[in-house]
PDB file of N, CA and C in Angstrom:
ATOM      1  N   MET A   1      -5.821  15.553 -34.250  1.00  0.00           N
ATOM      2  CA  MET A   1      -6.590  14.975 -32.752  1.00  0.00           C
ATOM      3  C   MET A   1      -5.826  16.087 -31.429  1.00  0.00           C
ATOM      4  N   GLU A   2      -6.607  16.694 -30.393  1.00  0.00           N
ATOM      5  CA  GLU A   2      -6.690  17.474 -29.729  1.00  0.00           C
ATOM      6  C   GLU A   2      -6.539  16.731 -28.406  1.00  0.00           C
ATOM      7  N   LYS A   3      -5.035  17.476 -27.550  1.00  0.00           N
ATOM      8  CA  LYS A   3      -4.517  17.092 -26.774  1.00  0.00           C
ATOM      9  C   LYS A   3      -5.353  17.152 -25.517  1.00  0.00           C
ATOM     10  N   SER A   4      -5.402  16.389 -24.435  1.00  0.00           N
ATOM     11  CA  SER A   4      -6.495  17.197 -23.363  1.00  0.00           C
ATOM     12  C   SER A   4      -4.881  17.424 -21.572  1.00  0.00           C
ATOM     13  N   LYS A   5      -5.613  18.496 -21.594  1.00  0.00           N
ATOM     14  CA  LYS A   5      -4.879  19.041 -20.339  1.00  0.00           C
ATOM     15  C   LYS A   5      -5.435  18.505 -19.213  1.00  0.00           C
ATOM     16  N   ASP A   6      -4.321  18.370 -18.116  1.00  0.00           N
ATOM     17  CA  ASP A   6      -4.533  18.095 -16.886  1.00  0.00           C
ATOM     18  C   ASP A   6      -4.661  18.966 -15.801  1.00  0.00           C
ATOM     19  N   LYS A   7      -3.915  19.928 -16.390  1.00  0.00           N
ATOM     20  CA  LYS A   7      -3.709  20.942 -15.487  1.00  0.00           C
ATOM     21  C   LYS A   7      -2.697  20.808 -14.078  1.00  0.00           C
ATOM     22  N   GLY A   8      -2.067  19.573 -14.276  1.00  0.00           N
ATOM     23  CA  GLY A   8      -0.974  19.268 -13.338  1.00  0.00           C
ATOM     24  C   GLY A   8      -1.755  18.511 -11.991  1.00  0.00           C
ATOM     25  N   TRP A   9      -3.049  17.759 -12.103  1.00  0.00           N
ATOM     26  CA  TRP A   9      -3.263  16.942 -11.483  1.00  0.00           C
ATOM     27  C   TRP A   9      -2.636  15.840 -11.777  1.00  0.00           C
ATOM     28  N   SER A  10      -2.191  15.563 -12.216  1.00  0.00           N
ATOM     29  CA  SER A  10      -1.000  13.862 -12.673  1.00  0.00           C
ATOM     30  C   SER A  10      -0.143  13.921 -11.451  1.00  0.00           C
ATOM     31  N   TRP A  11       0.679  15.437 -11.347  1.00  0.00           N
ATOM     32  CA  TRP A  11       1.821  15.355 -10.684  1.00  0.00           C
ATOM     33  C   TRP A  11       0.953  15.055  -8.822  1.00  0.00           C
ATOM     34  N   VAL A  12      -0.390  15.564  -8.628  1.00  0.00           N
ATOM     35  CA  VAL A  12      -0.616  15.489  -7.551  1.00  0.00           C
ATOM     36  C   VAL A  12      -1.187  14.006  -6.941  1.00  0.00           C
ATOM     37  N   VAL A  13      -1.424  13.577  -8.238  1.00  0.00           N
ATOM     38  CA  VAL A  13      -2.109  11.913  -8.077  1.00  0.00           C
ATOM     39  C   VAL A  13      -0.312  10.818  -8.050  1.00  0.00           C
ATOM     40  N   LEU A  14       0.564  11.281  -8.624  1.00  0.00           N
ATOM     41  CA  LEU A  14       1.983  10.425  -8.226  1.00  0.00           C
ATOM     42  C   LEU A  14       2.483  11.311  -7.112  1.00  0.00           C
ATOM     43  N   PHE A  15       2.375  12.223  -6.657  1.00  0.00           N
ATOM     44  CA  PHE A  15       2.855  12.485  -5.121  1.00  0.00           C
ATOM     45  C   PHE A  15       1.995  11.521  -3.825  1.00  0.00           C
ATOM     46  N   GLY A  16       0.696  11.496  -4.654  1.00  0.00           N
ATOM     47  CA  GLY A  16      -0.045  11.203  -3.602  1.00  0.00           C
ATOM     48  C   GLY A  16       0.594   9.304  -3.432  1.00  0.00           C
ATOM     49  N   VAL A  17       0.531   8.788  -4.703  1.00  0.00           N
ATOM     50  CA  VAL A  17       1.185   7.370  -4.869  1.00  0.00           C
ATOM     51  C   VAL A  17       1.988   7.172  -4.130  1.00  0.00           C
ATOM     52  N   PHE A  18       3.072   8.380  -4.459  1.00  0.00           N
ATOM     53  CA  PHE A  18       4.321   8.364  -3.684  1.00  0.00           C
ATOM     54  C   PHE A  18       4.488   8.408  -2.188  1.00  0.00           C
ATOM     55  N   VAL A  19       3.703   8.536  -1.477  1.00  0.00           N
ATOM     56  CA  VAL A  19       3.553   8.796  -0.219  1.00  0.00           C
ATOM     57  C   VAL A  19       3.115   7.856   0.585  1.00  0.00           C
ATOM     58  N   SER A  20       2.079   7.307  -0.205  1.00  0.00           N
ATOM     59  CA  SER A  20       1.080   6.114   0.114  1.00  0.00           C
ATOM     60  C   SER A  20       2.094   4.650   0.369  1.00  0.00           C
ATOM     61  N   ALA A  21       2.920   4.215  -0.766  1.00  0.00           N
ATOM     62  CA  ALA A  21       3.594   3.352  -1.591  1.00  0.00           C
ATOM     63  C   ALA A  21       4.848   3.459  -0.254  1.00  0.00           C
ATOM     64  N   SER A  22       5.662   4.703   0.235  1.00  0.00           N
ATOM     65  CA  SER A  22       6.628   4.844   0.913  1.00  0.00           C
ATOM     66  C   SER A  22       6.293   4.651   2.439  1.00  0.00           C
ATOM     67  N   LEU A  23       5.261   5.324   2.749  1.00  0.00           N
ATOM     68  CA  LEU A  23       4.300   4.825   3.941  1.00  0.00           C
ATOM     69  C   LEU A  23       4.456   3.217   4.608  1.00  0.00           C
ATOM     70  N   SER A  24       4.066   2.760   3.179  1.00  0.00           N
ATOM     71  CA  SER A  24       2.884   1.471   3.651  1.00  0.00           C
ATOM     72  C   SER A  24       4.628   0.984   3.087  1.00  0.00           C
ATOM     73  N   VAL A  25       5.635   0.732   2.480  1.00  0.00           N
ATOM     74  CA  VAL A  25       6.806  -0.591   3.070  1.00  0.00           C
ATOM     75  C   VAL A  25       7.777   0.543   3.854  1.00  0.00           C
ATOM     76  N   GLY A  26       7.581   1.372   4.099  1.00  0.00           N
ATOM     77  CA  GLY A  26       8.259   1.964   4.989  1.00  0.00           C
ATOM     78  C   GLY A  26       8.148   1.456   6.625  1.00  0.00           C
ATOM     79  N   PHE A  27       6.792   0.998   6.706  1.00  0.00           N
ATOM     80  CA  PHE A  27       6.106   0.761   8.085  1.00  0.00           C
ATOM     81  C   PHE A  27       6.778  -0.988   8.136  1.00  0.00           C
ATOM     82  N   HIS A  28       6.772  -1.838   7.033  1.00  0.00           N
ATOM     83  CA  HIS A  28       6.700  -3.052   6.842  1.00  0.00           C
ATOM     84  C   HIS A  28       8.100  -3.130   7.326  1.00  0.00           C
ATOM     85  N   GLN A  29       8.766  -2.428   7.059  1.00  0.00           N
ATOM     86  CA  GLN A  29      10.305  -2.739   7.145  1.00  0.00           C
ATOM     87  C   GLN A  29      11.129  -2.087   8.515  1.00  0.00           C
ATOM     88  N   SER A  30      10.354  -1.535   8.805  1.00  0.00           N
ATOM     89  CA  SER A  30      10.589  -0.674  10.500  1.00  0.00           C
ATOM     90  C   SER A  30      10.360  -1.358  11.284  1.00  0.00           C
ATOM     91  N   VAL A  31       8.978  -2.288  11.596  1.00  0.00           N
ATOM     92  CA  VAL A  31       8.489  -2.721  12.450  1.00  0.00           C
ATOM     93  C   VAL A  31       9.683  -3.608  13.563  1.00  0.00           C
ATOM     94  N   GLY A  32      11.005  -4.155  13.076  1.00  0.00           N
ATOM     95  CA  GLY A  32      11.838  -4.229  14.115  1.00  0.00           C
ATOM     96  C   GLY A  32      12.320  -2.975  15.416  1.00  0.00           C
ATOM     97  N   VAL A  33      12.106  -1.893  14.660  1.00  0.00           N
ATOM     98  CA  VAL A  33      12.352  -0.826  15.532  1.00  0.00           C
ATOM     99  C   VAL A  33      11.433  -1.116  17.110  1.00  0.00           C
ATOM    100  N   PHE A  34      10.020  -1.248  16.952  1.00  0.00           N
ATOM    101  CA  PHE A  34       8.989  -1.554  17.899  1.00  0.00           C
ATOM    102  C   PHE A  34       9.304  -2.942  18.163  1.00  0.00           C
ATOM    103  N   PHE A  35       9.927  -3.778  18.079  1.00  0.00           N
ATOM    104  CA  PHE A  35       9.884  -5.135  18.599  1.00  0.00           C
ATOM    105  C   PHE A  35      10.273  -5.365  20.020  1.00  0.00           C
ATOM    106  N   VAL A  36      11.371  -4.649  20.560  1.00  0.00           N
ATOM    107  CA  VAL A  36      11.447  -4.546  21.847  1.00  0.00           C
ATOM    108  C   VAL A  36      10.392  -3.934  22.561  1.00  0.00           C
ATOM    109  N   ASP A  37       9.860  -2.797  22.305  1.00  0.00           N
ATOM    110  CA  ASP A  37       9.118  -2.256  23.200  1.00  0.00           C
ATOM    111  C   ASP A  37       7.592  -2.654  23.073  1.00  0.00           C
ATOM    112  N   TRP A  38       7.053  -3.252  22.138  1.00  0.00           N
ATOM    113  CA  TRP A  38       6.202  -3.919  22.197  1.00  0.00           C
ATOM    114  C   TRP A  38       5.982  -5.215  22.926  1.00  0.00           C
ATOM    115  N   GLN A  39       7.395  -5.955  23.068  1.00  0.00           N
ATOM    116  CA  GLN A  39       7.481  -7.057  23.903  1.00  0.00           C
ATOM    117  C   GLN A  39       7.236  -6.603  25.360  1.00  0.00           C
ATOM    118  N   GLU A  40       8.057  -5.346  25.733  1.00  0.00           N
ATOM    119  CA  GLU A  40       7.933  -4.955  27.475  1.00  0.00           C
ATOM    120  C   GLU A  40       6.900  -4.545  27.685  1.00  0.00           C
ATOM    121  N   ASP A  41       5.733  -3.428  26.351  1.00  0.00           N
ATOM    122  CA  ASP A  41       4.869  -2.735  27.105  1.00  0.00           C
ATOM    123  C   ASP A  41       3.586  -3.612  27.103  1.00  0.00           C
ATOM    124  N   PHE A  42       3.871  -4.434  26.331  1.00  0.00           N
ATOM    125  CA  PHE A  42       2.534  -5.878  26.498  1.00  0.00           C
ATOM    126  C   PHE A  42       2.307  -7.251  27.058  1.00  0.00           C
ATOM    127  N   GLY A  43       4.086  -7.264  27.393  1.00  0.00           N
ATOM    128  CA  GLY A  43       4.350  -8.085  28.081  1.00  0.00           C
ATOM    129  C   GLY A  43       3.648  -9.836  27.449  1.00  0.00           C
ATOM    130  N   ILE A  44       4.556  -9.766  26.410  1.00  0.00           N
ATOM    131  CA  ILE A  44       4.453 -10.705  25.328  1.00  0.00           C
ATOM    132  C   ILE A  44       5.605 -11.195  24.648  1.00  0.00           C
ATOM    133  N   SER A  45       5.154 -12.540  24.415  1.00  0.00           N
ATOM    134  CA  SER A  45       7.137 -13.540  23.847  1.00  0.00           C
ATOM    135  C   SER A  45       7.215 -12.873  22.640  1.00  0.00           C
ATOM    136  N   THR A  46       8.677 -13.142  22.345  1.00  0.00           N
ATOM    137  CA  THR A  46       8.843 -12.924  21.054  1.00  0.00           C
ATOM    138  C   THR A  46       8.296 -13.787  19.660  1.00  0.00           C
ATOM    139  N   GLN A  47       7.606 -14.779  19.674  1.00  0.00           N
ATOM    140  CA  GLN A  47       6.880 -15.163  19.020  1.00  0.00           C
ATOM    141  C   GLN A  47       5.525 -14.278  18.660  1.00  0.00           C
ATOM    142  N   ALA A  48       5.019 -14.390  19.921  1.00  0.00           N
ATOM    143  CA  ALA A  48       3.974 -13.151  19.561  1.00  0.00           C
ATOM    144  C   ALA A  48       4.189 -12.003  19.017  1.00  0.00           C
ATOM    145  N   VAL A  49       5.384 -10.970  19.292  1.00  0.00           N
ATOM    146  CA  VAL A  49       5.283 -10.005  17.997  1.00  0.00           C
ATOM    147  C   VAL A  49       5.922 -10.184  17.586  1.00  0.00           C
ATOM    148  N   GLY A  50       6.346 -11.288  16.967  1.00  0.00           N
ATOM    149  CA  GLY A  50       7.055 -11.760  15.917  1.00  0.00           C
ATOM    150  C   GLY A  50       5.649 -12.030  14.558  1.00  0.00           C
ATOM    151  N   TRP A  51       4.676 -12.639  14.895  1.00  0.00           N
ATOM    152  CA  TRP A  51       2.899 -13.037  14.436  1.00  0.00           C
ATOM    153  C   TRP A  51       2.570 -11.409  13.774  1.00  0.00           C
ATOM    154  N   THR A  52       2.880 -10.611  14.689  1.00  0.00           N
ATOM    155  CA  THR A  52       2.121  -8.897  14.245  1.00  0.00           C
ATOM    156  C   THR A  52       3.047  -8.770  12.916  1.00  0.00           C
ATOM    157  N   SER A  53       4.405  -8.738  12.722  1.00  0.00           N
ATOM    158  CA  SER A  53       4.998  -7.975  11.438  1.00  0.00           C
ATOM    159  C   SER A  53       4.586  -9.563  10.276  1.00  0.00           C
ATOM    160  N   SER A  54       4.293 -10.497  10.596  1.00  0.00           N
ATOM    161  CA  SER A  54       4.032 -11.493   9.849  1.00  0.00           C
ATOM    162  C   SER A  54       2.919 -11.705   9.229  1.00  0.00           C
ATOM    163  N   VAL A  55       2.328 -11.412   9.973  1.00  0.00           N
ATOM    164  CA  VAL A  55       0.759 -11.335   9.693  1.00  0.00           C
ATOM    165  C   VAL A  55       0.608  -9.813   8.893  1.00  0.00           C
ATOM    166  N   SER A  56       1.179  -8.843   8.934  1.00  0.00           N
ATOM    167  CA  SER A  56       1.281  -7.460   8.241  1.00  0.00           C
ATOM    168  C   SER A  56       1.676  -7.256   6.841  1.00  0.00           C
ATOM    169  N   MET A  57       2.520  -8.081   6.878  1.00  0.00           N
ATOM    170  CA  MET A  57       3.674  -8.936   5.347  1.00  0.00           C
ATOM    171  C   MET A  57       2.694  -8.975   4.588  1.00  0.00           C
ATOM    172  N   ALA A  58       2.201 -10.615   5.355  1.00  0.00           N
ATOM    173  CA  ALA A  58       1.199 -11.226   4.234  1.00  0.00           C
ATOM    174  C   ALA A  58       0.065 -10.924   3.830  1.00  0.00           C
ATOM    175  N   GLY A  59      -0.533 -10.108   4.795  1.00  0.00           N
ATOM    176  CA  GLY A  59      -2.095  -9.350   4.039  1.00  0.00           C
ATOM    177  C   GLY A  59      -1.350  -8.060   3.180  1.00  0.00           C
ATOM    178  N   PHE A  60      -0.100  -7.722   3.153  1.00  0.00           N
ATOM    179  CA  PHE A  60       0.371  -6.745   1.999  1.00  0.00           C
ATOM    180  C   PHE A  60       0.382  -7.459   0.909  1.00  0.00           C
ATOM    181  N   ALA A  61       1.206  -8.508   0.550  1.00  0.00           N
ATOM    182  CA  ALA A  61       1.310  -9.374  -0.202  1.00  0.00           C
ATOM    183  C   ALA A  61       0.161  -9.872  -0.938  1.00  0.00           C
ATOM    184  N   ILE A  62      -0.534 -10.570   0.025  1.00  0.00           N
ATOM    185  CA  ILE A  62      -1.643 -11.381  -0.778  1.00  0.00           C
ATOM    186  C   ILE A  62      -2.413 -10.064  -1.704  1.00  0.00           C
ATOM    187  N   SER A  63      -2.587  -9.012  -0.612  1.00  0.00           N
ATOM    188  CA  SER A  63      -3.491  -7.742  -1.401  1.00  0.00           C
ATOM    189  C   SER A  63      -3.054  -7.133  -2.317  1.00  0.00           C
ATOM    190  N   GLY A  64      -1.322  -7.721  -3.131  1.00  0.00           N
ATOM    191  CA  GLY A  64      -1.396  -7.188  -4.076  1.00  0.00           C
ATOM    192  C   GLY A  64      -1.587  -8.407  -5.319  1.00  0.00           C
ATOM    193  N   LYS A  65      -1.403  -9.426  -4.873  1.00  0.00           N
ATOM    194  CA  LYS A  65      -1.890 -10.581  -6.062  1.00  0.00           C
ATOM    195  C   LYS A  65      -2.892 -11.005  -6.247  1.00  0.00           C
ATOM    196  N   THR A  66      -3.858 -10.850  -5.169  1.00  0.00           N
ATOM    197  CA  THR A  66      -5.652 -10.859  -5.335  1.00  0.00           C
ATOM    198  C   THR A  66      -5.625  -9.283  -6.347  1.00  0.00           C
ATOM    199  N   ILE A  67      -5.097  -8.286  -6.329  1.00  0.00           N
ATOM    200  CA  ILE A  67      -5.397  -7.278  -7.258  1.00  0.00           C
ATOM    201  C   ILE A  67      -5.321  -7.492  -8.910  1.00  0.00           C
ATOM    202  N   HIS A  68      -3.747  -8.210  -8.868  1.00  0.00           N
ATOM    203  CA  HIS A  68      -3.325  -8.288  -9.804  1.00  0.00           C
ATOM    204  C   HIS A  68      -4.480  -9.159 -10.702  1.00  0.00           C
ATOM    205  N   VAL A  69      -4.756 -10.677 -10.183  1.00  0.00           N
ATOM    206  CA  VAL A  69      -5.494 -11.484 -10.636  1.00  0.00           C
ATOM    207  C   VAL A  69      -7.007 -11.018 -10.842  1.00  0.00           C
ATOM    208  N   GLN A  70      -7.407 -10.117  -9.628  1.00  0.00           N
ATOM    209  CA  GLN A  70      -8.706  -9.253 -10.489  1.00  0.00           C
ATOM    210  C   GLN A  70      -8.808  -8.359 -11.557  1.00  0.00           C
ATOM    211  N   SER A  71      -7.408  -7.913 -12.077  1.00  0.00           N
ATOM    212  CA  SER A  71      -7.273  -7.354 -13.115  1.00  0.00           C
ATOM    213  C   SER A  71      -7.065  -7.811 -14.671  1.00  0.00           C
ATOM    214  N   ARG A  72      -6.300  -9.212 -14.324  1.00  0.00           N
ATOM    215  CA  ARG A  72      -6.527 -10.445 -15.605  1.00  0.00           C
ATOM    216  C   ARG A  72      -7.476 -10.642 -15.622  1.00  0.00           C
ATOM    217  N   LEU A  73      -8.395 -10.979 -14.640  1.00  0.00           N
ATOM    218  CA  LEU A  73     -10.196 -11.588 -14.777  1.00  0.00           C
ATOM    219  C   LEU A  73     -11.103 -10.631 -15.161  1.00  0.00           C
ATOM    220  N   ARG A  74     -10.430  -9.275 -15.262  1.00  0.00           N
ATOM    221  CA  ARG A  74     -11.405  -8.205 -15.815  1.00  0.00           C
ATOM    222  C   ARG A  74     -12.746  -7.986 -15.010  1.00  0.00           C
ATOM    223  N   CYS A  75     -12.310  -7.814 -13.340  1.00  0.00           N
ATOM    224  CA  CYS A  75     -13.116  -8.137 -12.146  1.00  0.00           C
ATOM    225  C   CYS A  75     -13.093  -6.553 -12.276  1.00  0.00           C
ATOM    226  N   VAL A  76     -11.991  -5.771 -12.304  1.00  0.00           N
ATOM    227  CA  VAL A  76     -12.390  -4.310 -11.813  1.00  0.00           C
ATOM    228  C   VAL A  76     -12.428  -3.332 -13.014  1.00  0.00           C
ATOM    229  N   LEU A  77     -13.735  -2.775 -13.371  1.00  0.00           N
ATOM    230  CA  LEU A  77     -13.886  -1.551 -14.070  1.00  0.00           C
ATOM    231  C   LEU A  77     -12.866  -0.773 -14.692  1.00  0.00           C
ATOM    232  N   PRO A  78     -12.331  -0.436 -16.152  1.00  0.00           N
ATOM    233  CA  PRO A  78     -11.545   0.232 -16.123  1.00  0.00           C
ATOM    234  C   PRO A  78     -12.167   1.974 -15.859  1.00  0.00           C
ATOM    235  N   TYR A  79     -11.396   2.917 -15.355  1.00  0.00           N
ATOM    236  CA  TYR A  79     -12.023   4.164 -15.007  1.00  0.00           C
ATOM    237  C   TYR A  79     -11.674   4.939 -16.394  1.00  0.00           C
ATOM    238  N   LYS A  80     -12.372   5.559 -17.038  1.00  0.00           N
ATOM    239  CA  LYS A  80     -12.682   6.756 -18.093  1.00  0.00           C
ATOM    240  C   LYS A  80     -12.330   7.523 -17.611  1.00  0.00           C
ATOM    241  N   ALA A  81     -11.296   8.647 -17.746  1.00  0.00           N
ATOM    242  CA  ALA A  81     -11.057   9.562 -17.477  1.00  0.00           C
ATOM    243  C   ALA A  81     -11.730  10.788 -18.309  1.00  0.00           C
ATOM    244  N   LYS A  82     -12.228  11.768 -17.940  1.00  0.00           N
ATOM    245  CA  LYS A  82     -13.200  12.627 -18.457  1.00  0.00           C
ATOM    246  C   LYS A  82     -12.292  14.026 -18.331  1.00  0.00           C
ATOM    247  N   PHE A  83     -11.330  14.537 -19.321  1.00  0.00           N
ATOM    248  CA  PHE A  83     -10.976  16.071 -18.820  1.00  0.00           C
ATOM    249  C   PHE A  83     -11.829  17.313 -19.193  1.00  0.00           C
ATOM    250  N   VAL A  84     -11.667  18.233 -18.300  1.00  0.00           N
ATOM    251  CA  VAL A  84     -12.346  19.390 -18.714  1.00  0.00           C
ATOM    252  C   VAL A  84     -11.505  20.321 -19.962  1.00  0.00           C
ATOM    253  N   HIS A  85     -11.728  20.738 -20.660  1.00  0.00           N
ATOM    254  CA  HIS A  85     -11.595  21.252 -21.872  1.00  0.00           C
ATOM    255  C   HIS A  85     -11.888  22.972 -21.156  1.00  0.00           C
TER     256      HIS A  85
END
């Protein structure tokens, strides 16, 4: 069996996924830093500012579950990689 060579693209994909995941989770974890500024800039209550982080985290969690269900039901077509030899 002949081994396929990816010519380093797997590292590029890995780096891209790492950056994307880090930014997504980092944003959700750092919403509290902007809490007081948003409250002062927009003149809204603490409860209204709290909804922004809650809705954002709910969307993040629901999207993960949705993708999991789709993959279990085989709704997502598998990608067949074609390597250049």
